[in-house]
Amino acid sequence: MLAINLNTNIIPQLKLQDTVSKALQLLNEHRVSHLPVVSEEKYLGLIGEDELLDIENKKISIELLQDEFINVAVHESAHFLQAVNLCNQYQISIVPIINEERNLVGTISSQSLLKALGNFSGSHDIRGIIVLEMERSQFAISEISRIVESNEASIMHLNTTIQPESGLLTVTLHINKKELSVIVASFERYDYDVLYYFGEEKFENEIDTNYRHLMNYLDI
């Protein structure tokens, strides 16, 4: 999904001649903490609520606050994950979208990004999740897929992150099955470290099975 596909035109633009007071009013009305500033349709940057609240004279123009602008934006043809990265990196409530001429063509709200990210990761249809931990040199998508598929399941989504403390790779698998015991056992048989997993288990362990057999025997 491209950034332009998440474009919304409900967020207003500020001009350099607008006052701090007007900017704060618009922030409050649209429930965001940042607004884009333009001059002759050219995008100049974002101004944040914190910077505006620090100004004692609310009648001064935005033009006097250009040193406070956050110069971030995403190109309209960029993948939406780039907008997610900017949102996280700069802690901004909206991400401006610009074209080749640096004209502001729209904005993406953090809520829209969260929804798109959830759909992208398959969170709308969570079945089974398995989380593995391994050395980066151990990571092989083909082998991981083979283990899952050998148990008549498929990987719907795969995500990797590196733990900064240990340097180990965390691999999160979204599986199209809720019963995961056999798959987890297969990973452990191939010496994979399974951190945890989430699903609905229909398999009983040996102690439970023996207990049920005993109760059935005593009922006879």
Protein backbone atom coordinates (compact mmCIF):
# COMPACT_ATOMS: atom_id res chain seq x y z
CA MET A 1 0.00 0.00 0.00
CA LEU A 2 1.31 3.42 -0.97
CA ALA A 3 1.22 6.48 1.26
CA ILE A 4 -1.18 8.26 -1.09
CA ASN A 5 -3.74 5.47 -0.54
CA LEU A 6 -4.07 6.57 3.08
CA ASN A 7 -4.45 10.24 2.23
CA THR A 8 -7.07 12.26 4.09
CA ASN A 9 -7.95 15.87 3.43
CA ILE A 10 -9.68 16.58 6.74
CA ILE A 11 -6.54 18.02 8.39
CA PRO A 12 -6.26 21.77 7.69
CA GLN A 13 -3.13 23.54 6.51
CA LEU A 14 -1.56 26.51 8.22
CA LYS A 15 -0.14 29.48 6.35
CA LEU A 16 2.76 31.59 7.54
CA GLN A 17 0.41 34.49 8.19
CA ASP A 18 -1.80 32.48 10.56
CA THR A 19 -1.49 33.23 14.25
CA VAL A 20 -0.48 30.93 17.07
CA SER A 21 -3.98 31.31 18.47
CA LYS A 22 -5.58 30.09 15.25
CA ALA A 23 -3.18 27.15 15.07
CA LEU A 24 -4.04 26.06 18.63
CA GLN A 25 -7.74 26.35 17.85
CA LEU A 26 -7.40 24.11 14.78
CA LEU A 27 -5.35 21.58 16.74
CA ASN A 28 -8.08 21.38 19.34
CA GLU A 29 -10.89 21.11 16.78
CA HIS A 30 -9.24 18.27 14.85
CA ARG A 31 -7.75 16.53 17.90
CA VAL A 32 -4.21 16.33 16.57
CA SER A 33 -0.94 17.60 18.00
CA HIS A 34 0.68 18.73 14.73
CA LEU A 35 -0.37 20.70 11.65
CA PRO A 36 1.37 21.19 8.28
CA VAL A 37 2.50 24.66 7.25
CA VAL A 38 2.50 25.70 3.59
CA SER A 39 3.48 28.73 1.55
CA GLU A 40 2.05 28.99 -1.97
CA GLU A 41 1.18 25.26 -1.78
CA LYS A 42 4.80 24.36 -0.95
CA TYR A 43 5.17 22.27 2.17
CA LEU A 44 7.43 23.90 4.79
CA GLY A 45 7.14 21.56 7.76
CA LEU A 46 5.05 20.61 10.78
CA ILE A 47 4.40 22.79 13.80
CA GLY A 48 3.64 21.06 17.09
CA GLU A 49 1.28 21.91 19.91
CA ASP A 50 4.04 21.95 22.53
CA GLU A 51 5.97 24.62 20.63
CA LEU A 52 2.84 26.72 20.18
CA LEU A 53 1.90 26.53 23.86
CA ASP A 54 5.35 27.81 24.82
CA ILE A 55 4.68 31.09 23.00
CA GLU A 56 3.37 33.75 25.38
CA ASN A 57 2.02 36.09 22.71
CA LYS A 58 -0.57 33.99 20.90
CA LYS A 59 -1.18 36.76 18.35
CA ILE A 60 2.16 36.42 16.59
CA SER A 61 2.29 34.72 13.19
CA ILE A 62 3.54 31.21 12.48
CA GLU A 63 6.16 32.78 10.21
CA LEU A 64 8.19 33.75 13.29
CA LEU A 65 8.38 30.11 14.41
CA GLN A 66 10.00 28.56 11.35
CA ASP A 67 12.98 27.38 13.40
CA GLU A 68 10.51 25.15 15.29
CA PHE A 69 9.16 23.41 12.16
CA ILE A 70 9.68 19.65 11.94
CA ASN A 71 10.87 19.04 8.40
CA VAL A 72 9.47 15.56 7.78
CA ALA A 73 7.21 14.22 5.04
CA VAL A 74 6.66 11.13 2.94
CA HIS A 75 6.49 11.04 -0.84
CA GLU A 76 3.12 10.10 -2.32
CA SER A 77 4.62 7.04 -4.05
CA ALA A 78 6.40 5.76 -0.91
CA HIS A 79 5.30 2.61 0.86
CA PHE A 80 3.11 3.36 3.86
CA LEU A 81 5.64 1.71 6.20
CA GLN A 82 7.91 4.71 5.61
CA ALA A 83 5.16 6.88 7.06
CA VAL A 84 4.90 4.53 10.04
CA ASN A 85 8.64 4.91 10.60
CA LEU A 86 8.43 8.72 10.52
CA CYS A 87 5.47 8.70 12.90
CA ASN A 88 7.39 6.60 15.41
CA GLN A 89 10.72 8.37 14.98
CA TYR A 90 9.41 11.91 15.42
CA GLN A 91 6.39 11.15 17.62
CA ILE A 92 4.05 13.04 15.31
CA SER A 93 0.27 12.70 15.11
CA ILE A 94 0.09 13.17 11.32
CA VAL A 95 2.47 12.49 8.44
CA PRO A 96 2.38 14.96 5.49
CA ILE A 97 2.34 13.60 1.93
CA ILE A 98 4.18 15.56 -0.75
CA ASN A 99 4.75 15.21 -4.51
CA GLU A 100 7.83 15.78 -6.65
CA GLU A 101 7.32 19.56 -6.52
CA ARG A 102 7.10 19.39 -2.73
CA ASN A 103 3.49 20.43 -2.84
CA LEU A 104 1.40 19.16 0.06
CA VAL A 105 -1.07 16.66 -1.41
CA GLY A 106 -2.50 15.28 1.84
CA THR A 107 -1.84 13.90 5.30
CA ILE A 108 -2.03 10.56 7.08
CA SER A 109 -3.22 10.39 10.66
CA SER A 110 -1.53 8.12 13.19
CA GLN A 111 -4.87 6.32 13.62
CA SER A 112 -4.99 5.52 9.90
CA LEU A 113 -1.42 4.23 10.04
CA LEU A 114 -2.24 2.01 13.01
CA LYS A 115 -5.24 0.55 11.20
CA ALA A 116 -3.23 -0.04 8.01
CA LEU A 117 -0.42 -1.63 10.00
CA GLY A 118 -2.90 -3.93 11.73
CA ASN A 119 -4.36 -5.06 8.41
CA PHE A 120 -0.87 -5.44 6.96
CA SER A 121 0.20 -7.73 9.83
CA GLY A 122 -2.96 -9.82 9.69
CA SER A 123 -4.15 -8.78 13.15
CA HIS A 124 -7.75 -8.75 11.90
CA ASP A 125 -7.64 -12.55 11.59
CA ILE A 126 -5.32 -13.87 14.29
CA ARG A 127 -5.30 -17.65 14.57
CA GLY A 128 -2.00 -18.98 15.87
CA ILE A 129 1.19 -17.13 16.76
CA ILE A 130 4.59 -18.70 17.39
CA VAL A 131 7.58 -16.64 18.51
CA LEU A 132 11.09 -18.03 17.97
CA GLU A 133 14.47 -16.73 19.10
CA MET A 134 17.70 -17.54 17.29
CA GLU A 135 21.08 -16.36 16.12
CA ARG A 136 20.84 -14.33 12.95
CA SER A 137 22.97 -16.89 11.15
CA GLN A 138 20.38 -19.55 12.01
CA PHE A 139 17.53 -17.73 10.29
CA ALA A 140 16.39 -19.51 7.14
CA ILE A 141 12.91 -18.78 5.82
CA SER A 142 12.89 -21.91 3.68
CA GLU A 143 13.51 -24.23 6.64
CA ILE A 144 11.03 -22.44 8.90
CA SER A 145 8.38 -22.66 6.17
CA ARG A 146 9.14 -26.34 5.59
CA ILE A 147 8.63 -27.15 9.28
CA VAL A 148 5.30 -25.32 9.37
CA GLU A 149 4.07 -26.77 6.08
CA SER A 150 5.07 -30.31 7.07
CA ASN A 151 2.38 -30.02 9.74
CA GLU A 152 -0.29 -29.05 7.21
CA ALA A 153 -0.18 -25.35 8.08
CA SER A 154 0.97 -22.15 6.37
CA ILE A 155 2.73 -18.97 7.44
CA MET A 156 0.38 -16.04 6.84
CA HIS A 157 2.79 -13.39 8.13
CA LEU A 158 6.41 -13.35 9.31
CA ASN A 159 8.09 -10.56 11.22
CA THR A 160 11.67 -10.28 12.50
CA THR A 161 13.20 -7.99 15.11
CA ILE A 162 16.70 -7.83 16.58
CA GLN A 163 17.03 -7.67 20.36
CA PRO A 164 19.43 -4.76 21.07
CA GLU A 165 20.79 -6.32 24.29
CA SER A 166 21.60 -9.80 23.01
CA GLY A 167 21.74 -9.31 19.24
CA LEU A 168 19.46 -12.34 18.88
CA LEU A 169 16.77 -12.44 16.24
CA THR A 170 13.13 -12.72 17.30
CA VAL A 171 10.92 -14.29 14.62
CA THR A 172 7.14 -13.98 14.96
CA LEU A 173 5.06 -16.35 12.85
CA HIS A 174 1.36 -15.88 12.17
CA ILE A 175 0.02 -19.36 11.40
CA ASN A 176 -3.31 -20.19 9.74
CA LYS A 177 -4.10 -22.76 12.46
CA LYS A 178 -5.01 -22.40 16.12
CA GLU A 179 -3.77 -25.84 17.17
CA LEU A 180 -0.03 -25.34 17.52
CA SER A 181 1.29 -28.11 19.76
CA VAL A 182 2.53 -30.34 16.92
CA ILE A 183 4.15 -27.40 15.10
CA VAL A 184 5.84 -26.19 18.30
CA ALA A 185 7.10 -29.72 18.97
CA SER A 186 8.55 -29.83 15.44
CA PHE A 187 10.46 -26.58 15.98
CA GLU A 188 11.82 -27.85 19.28
CA ARG A 189 12.84 -31.12 17.62
CA TYR A 190 14.94 -29.08 15.18
CA ASP A 191 16.54 -27.20 18.11
CA TYR A 192 14.64 -23.95 17.67
CA ASP A 193 14.08 -21.93 20.82
CA VAL A 194 10.32 -21.31 21.09
CA LEU A 195 9.83 -18.29 23.35
CA TYR A 196 6.04 -18.58 23.51
CA TYR A 197 3.01 -19.32 21.39
CA PHE A 198 -0.68 -18.45 21.34
CA GLY A 199 -3.50 -20.61 20.06
CA GLU A 200 -6.28 -22.93 21.05
CA GLU A 201 -4.92 -26.32 21.99
CA LYS A 202 -6.99 -29.44 21.35
CA PHE A 203 -4.20 -31.77 22.43
CA GLU A 204 -4.05 -33.13 25.98
CA ASN A 205 -0.80 -33.84 27.74
CA GLU A 206 0.05 -37.30 29.00
CA ILE A 207 -0.83 -36.61 32.66
CA ASP A 208 -4.32 -35.35 31.77
CA THR A 209 -4.91 -38.32 29.51
CA ASN A 210 -3.83 -40.82 32.17
CA TYR A 211 -6.00 -39.08 34.76
CA ARG A 212 -9.07 -39.32 32.54
CA HIS A 213 -8.38 -42.99 31.89
CA LEU A 214 -8.12 -43.60 35.63
CA MET A 215 -11.43 -41.84 36.31
CA ASN A 216 -13.12 -43.86 33.61
CA TYR A 217 -11.72 -47.06 35.10
CA LEU A 218 -12.96 -46.17 38.61
CA ASP A 219 -16.43 -45.46 37.25
CA ILE A 220 -16.71 -48.98 35.88
